[in-house]
Amino acid sequence: MKASKADYELNAVALFRSSNTAVLSTLSKSTNDYPFGSFVTFASNNNRDLFIYASDIAEHTKNILNDTRACVTICSVTKDGDKQTSARLSLIGDLIRIPDTETDACQARFFKFLPDSKSYSRIHGFHFYRLNILKARWIGDFGQIGWLDMKHWTANVPKWEKSEAAMIEHMNQDHSNVIRSALNASFGIADPNAQMLALCTDGYFILSTGQQYFIPFDQPCYSGSSIRAALVQQAKAYRSFEL
């Protein structure tokens, strides 16, 4: 069956949310604006903002400060068979330094997903940058190619943003069975100590034995009531996977 644009979106989101490494392409300041590729780590926000943590002395940072235009390409390389069938997502936009008023929130989110990056915060000259996404290109396989609808890739702030910590605490304390059954159903992992790590409009992240796993919702959730409805739906769907 041919994949639909809705399938493209769901698959692209799954790759985006489940990844933390990418190739960053910038325009080289030192080489007449030729493309310059760099390996980077990134974190996604509770919406689909993408953050990188970059050193002032890095070549890609010099390029960004000279010309903000950039592309972040995320890949899931096929281990067996034809490598050309590997899924990839290219996000085109402008990389802008996070203002000081937003640094603390960005830092907390980034270090939650990439705790080893905390050590860089003790080194002078590291700053956060956000990719303001203009276009998103998905390639899932031969024939599964297209530009994605930008409706949910722009900076839509969820109404529940300030309640995220309380919602996570509530789920971990009172509904841990929902989290653990979702992990078991989605990844075949039966972990009685699994915890919800973070929420986003597209689903939530579970921490289990030091590894992070993304559990998607069927559609983006921008209100507290839609988050609750999605979690209730999963609780019913995954009841047979409870530990």
Protein backbone atom coordinates (compact mmCIF):
# COMPACT_ATOMS: atom_id res chain seq x y z
CA MET A 1 0.00 0.00 0.00
CA LYS A 2 1.33 3.42 -0.96
CA ALA A 3 2.19 5.62 2.00
CA SER A 4 0.09 8.79 2.41
CA LYS A 5 1.25 12.29 3.33
CA ALA A 6 -0.15 11.59 6.81
CA ASP A 7 2.16 8.56 7.03
CA TYR A 8 5.08 10.71 5.93
CA GLU A 9 4.32 13.11 8.78
CA LEU A 10 4.05 10.40 11.45
CA ASN A 11 7.24 8.69 10.29
CA ALA A 12 9.13 11.97 10.07
CA VAL A 13 8.06 12.91 13.59
CA ALA A 14 9.09 9.50 14.93
CA LEU A 15 12.57 9.91 13.43
CA PHE A 16 12.84 13.52 14.61
CA ARG A 17 11.81 12.75 18.18
CA SER A 18 13.81 9.52 18.46
CA SER A 19 17.09 11.05 17.25
CA ASN A 20 19.70 13.32 18.81
CA THR A 21 22.41 13.39 16.12
CA ALA A 22 22.38 14.97 12.69
CA VAL A 23 24.42 16.57 9.91
CA LEU A 24 24.34 20.36 10.04
CA SER A 25 24.94 22.11 6.71
CA THR A 26 25.95 25.76 6.79
CA LEU A 27 27.41 28.21 4.28
CA SER A 28 31.17 28.45 4.65
CA LYS A 29 32.40 31.92 5.56
CA SER A 30 35.99 30.94 4.75
CA THR A 31 35.28 29.23 1.41
CA ASN A 32 33.02 31.49 -0.63
CA ASP A 33 29.73 30.18 0.78
CA TYR A 34 30.32 26.59 -0.30
CA PRO A 35 28.27 24.11 1.76
CA PHE A 36 29.98 22.95 4.96
CA GLY A 37 28.79 19.81 6.78
CA SER A 38 29.21 19.13 10.49
CA PHE A 39 28.20 16.35 12.86
CA VAL A 40 26.07 17.78 15.68
CA THR A 41 23.90 16.67 18.56
CA PHE A 42 20.48 18.24 19.02
CA ALA A 43 17.43 18.21 21.25
CA SER A 44 13.82 18.86 20.37
CA ASN A 45 11.62 21.14 22.44
CA ASN A 46 8.08 20.45 23.68
CA ASN A 47 7.02 21.83 20.29
CA ARG A 48 9.12 21.01 17.22
CA ASP A 49 11.84 23.55 17.88
CA LEU A 50 15.30 22.09 17.40
CA PHE A 51 18.25 23.20 19.56
CA ILE A 52 21.98 22.76 19.11
CA TYR A 53 24.72 23.65 21.61
CA ALA A 54 27.66 25.13 19.75
CA SER A 55 31.10 26.46 20.57
CA ASP A 56 32.07 29.94 19.41
CA ILE A 57 35.24 28.53 17.88
CA ALA A 58 33.47 25.83 15.82
CA GLU A 59 33.56 26.40 12.08
CA HIS A 60 29.80 25.95 11.76
CA THR A 61 29.22 28.61 14.44
CA LYS A 62 31.36 31.10 12.51
CA ASN A 63 29.28 30.27 9.46
CA ILE A 64 25.98 30.71 11.33
CA LEU A 65 27.01 34.10 12.70
CA ASN A 66 27.87 35.19 9.17
CA ASP A 67 24.75 33.70 7.50
CA THR A 68 21.97 32.09 9.52
CA ARG A 69 20.72 29.88 6.68
CA ALA A 70 21.18 26.19 7.48
CA CYS A 71 19.87 22.68 6.99
CA VAL A 72 19.76 19.88 9.58
CA THR A 73 19.55 16.36 8.14
CA ILE A 74 18.54 13.49 10.41
CA CYS A 75 19.06 9.90 9.24
CA SER A 76 18.19 6.40 10.34
CA VAL A 77 20.67 4.28 8.40
CA THR A 78 19.44 0.85 7.31
CA LYS A 79 21.78 -1.77 8.76
CA ASP A 80 21.00 -4.47 6.22
CA GLY A 81 20.20 -4.27 2.54
CA ASP A 82 20.11 -1.16 0.41
CA LYS A 83 21.40 1.89 2.31
CA GLN A 84 19.50 4.14 -0.09
CA THR A 85 16.25 3.05 1.55
CA SER A 86 17.34 4.66 4.83
CA ALA A 87 14.85 7.19 6.20
CA ARG A 88 15.95 10.81 6.37
CA LEU A 89 14.49 14.16 7.28
CA SER A 90 15.93 17.51 6.17
CA LEU A 91 14.89 20.64 8.06
CA ILE A 92 15.70 23.92 6.34
CA GLY A 93 15.69 27.21 8.19
CA ASP A 94 17.68 29.82 10.09
CA LEU A 95 19.83 29.07 13.13
CA ILE A 96 19.40 31.86 15.66
CA ARG A 97 21.16 32.19 19.00
CA ILE A 98 18.82 31.72 21.96
CA PRO A 99 18.35 35.01 23.87
CA ASP A 100 19.55 35.16 27.47
CA THR A 101 15.95 35.26 28.74
CA GLU A 102 15.32 31.78 27.30
CA THR A 103 18.68 30.15 28.01
CA ASP A 104 17.77 28.50 31.32
CA ALA A 105 14.70 26.71 29.91
CA CYS A 106 16.58 25.66 26.78
CA GLN A 107 19.52 24.40 28.83
CA ALA A 108 17.30 22.35 31.14
CA ARG A 109 15.62 20.69 28.17
CA PHE A 110 18.85 20.03 26.29
CA PHE A 111 20.68 18.54 29.28
CA LYS A 112 17.68 16.35 30.14
CA PHE A 113 18.13 14.56 26.80
CA LEU A 114 21.92 14.92 26.49
CA PRO A 115 23.28 14.95 30.06
CA ASP A 116 26.89 14.49 28.92
CA SER A 117 26.69 17.96 27.38
CA LYS A 118 26.60 19.50 30.86
CA SER A 119 30.39 19.38 30.91
CA TYR A 120 30.49 21.87 28.03
CA SER A 121 28.63 24.43 30.14
CA ARG A 122 31.76 24.79 32.24
CA ILE A 123 33.75 25.75 29.14
CA HIS A 124 33.57 29.37 28.05
CA GLY A 125 32.05 30.10 24.66
CA PHE A 126 29.21 27.56 24.26
CA HIS A 127 25.76 28.84 23.35
CA PHE A 128 22.38 27.47 22.31
CA TYR A 129 20.91 28.03 18.86
CA ARG A 130 17.39 27.33 17.64
CA LEU A 131 16.53 26.33 14.10
CA ASN A 132 13.58 28.38 12.88
CA ILE A 133 12.22 25.81 10.45
CA LEU A 134 10.98 27.03 7.06
CA LYS A 135 10.63 23.75 5.16
CA ALA A 136 10.79 20.02 5.94
CA ARG A 137 11.67 17.32 3.41
CA TRP A 138 10.97 13.64 4.11
CA ILE A 139 12.40 10.59 2.35
CA GLY A 140 11.19 7.30 3.78
CA ASP A 141 12.01 4.94 0.91
CA PHE A 142 11.91 4.97 -2.88
CA GLY A 143 8.70 6.74 -3.83
CA GLN A 144 8.05 7.91 -0.26
CA ILE A 145 9.30 11.43 -0.80
CA GLY A 146 7.73 14.80 -0.22
CA TRP A 147 7.69 18.23 1.37
CA LEU A 148 5.79 18.11 4.66
CA ASP A 149 2.90 20.34 5.70
CA MET A 150 4.48 23.08 7.83
CA LYS A 151 1.46 23.48 10.12
CA HIS A 152 3.11 21.70 13.05
CA TRP A 153 6.77 22.44 12.23
CA THR A 154 6.55 26.12 13.08
CA ALA A 155 6.97 27.41 16.63
CA ASN A 156 3.54 26.54 18.05
CA VAL A 157 3.79 26.79 21.84
CA PRO A 158 1.61 24.22 23.68
CA LYS A 159 -0.83 25.64 26.22
CA TRP A 160 0.36 23.06 28.77
CA GLU A 161 4.02 24.19 28.58
CA LYS A 162 4.17 25.61 32.14
CA SER A 163 2.40 22.54 33.54
CA GLU A 164 4.75 19.97 32.00
CA ALA A 165 6.72 19.19 35.19
CA ALA A 166 3.51 18.71 37.20
CA MET A 167 1.98 16.50 34.50
CA ILE A 168 5.08 14.31 34.38
CA GLU A 169 5.15 13.98 38.18
CA HIS A 170 1.46 13.05 38.19
CA MET A 171 1.99 10.35 35.56
CA ASN A 172 5.02 8.87 37.31
CA GLN A 173 3.36 8.82 40.72
CA ASP A 174 -0.22 7.92 39.90
CA HIS A 175 -0.25 6.33 36.44
CA SER A 176 3.10 4.61 36.09
CA ASN A 177 1.31 1.52 34.74
CA VAL A 178 0.32 3.50 31.63
CA ILE A 179 3.95 4.46 30.97
CA ARG A 180 5.28 0.95 31.48
CA SER A 181 2.59 -0.75 29.41
CA ALA A 182 3.28 1.69 26.54
CA LEU A 183 7.00 0.87 26.71
CA ASN A 184 6.24 -2.85 26.75
CA ALA A 185 3.77 -2.61 23.85
CA SER A 186 5.97 -0.38 21.68
CA PHE A 187 9.44 -1.81 22.35
CA GLY A 188 8.92 -5.15 24.10
CA ILE A 189 10.65 -3.84 27.24
CA ALA A 190 9.13 -4.86 30.57
CA ASP A 191 10.68 -2.41 33.03
CA PRO A 192 8.83 -1.89 36.35
CA ASN A 193 11.01 1.16 37.02
CA ALA A 194 10.48 3.02 33.74
CA GLN A 195 9.64 6.70 34.16
CA MET A 196 8.25 9.47 31.96
CA LEU A 197 11.12 11.84 31.20
CA ALA A 198 9.54 14.59 29.12
CA LEU A 199 6.42 15.55 27.19
CA CYS A 200 6.05 17.09 23.76
CA THR A 201 3.19 17.89 21.43
CA ASP A 202 3.85 14.66 19.52
CA GLY A 203 4.06 12.23 22.46
CA TYR A 204 6.35 11.59 25.39
CA PHE A 205 9.75 10.20 26.29
CA ILE A 206 10.38 7.30 28.67
CA LEU A 207 13.62 6.68 30.53
CA SER A 208 14.39 3.00 31.07
CA THR A 209 17.73 1.64 32.32
CA GLY A 210 19.52 4.73 31.05
CA GLN A 211 17.95 4.65 27.56
CA GLN A 212 15.35 7.04 26.16
CA TYR A 213 12.31 5.87 24.17
CA PHE A 214 9.73 7.98 22.34
CA ILE A 215 6.04 7.05 22.51
CA PRO A 216 3.99 8.90 19.85
CA PHE A 217 0.46 10.26 20.00
CA ASP A 218 -1.82 9.83 16.98
CA GLN A 219 -1.85 13.60 16.44
CA PRO A 220 -0.20 16.69 17.98
CA CYS A 221 -1.59 17.77 21.35
CA TYR A 222 -1.46 21.47 22.20
CA SER A 223 -3.90 21.56 25.13
CA GLY A 224 -3.89 19.80 28.48
CA SER A 225 -7.19 18.13 27.68
CA SER A 226 -5.86 16.67 24.42
CA ILE A 227 -2.80 15.30 26.26
CA ARG A 228 -5.06 13.63 28.82
CA ALA A 229 -7.28 12.17 26.10
CA ALA A 230 -4.25 10.75 24.27
CA LEU A 231 -2.90 9.15 27.43
CA VAL A 232 -6.30 7.66 28.30
CA GLN A 233 -6.52 6.24 24.79
CA GLN A 234 -3.09 4.61 25.18
CA ALA A 235 -4.00 3.26 28.62
CA LYS A 236 -6.94 1.43 27.06
CA ALA A 237 -5.02 0.28 23.99
CA TYR A 238 -2.07 -1.10 25.98
CA ARG A 239 -3.92 -2.57 28.95
CA SER A 240 -2.97 -6.11 27.95
CA PHE A 241 0.72 -5.10 28.17
CA GLU A 242 0.59 -4.04 31.82
CA LEU A 243 3.28 -5.63 33.99
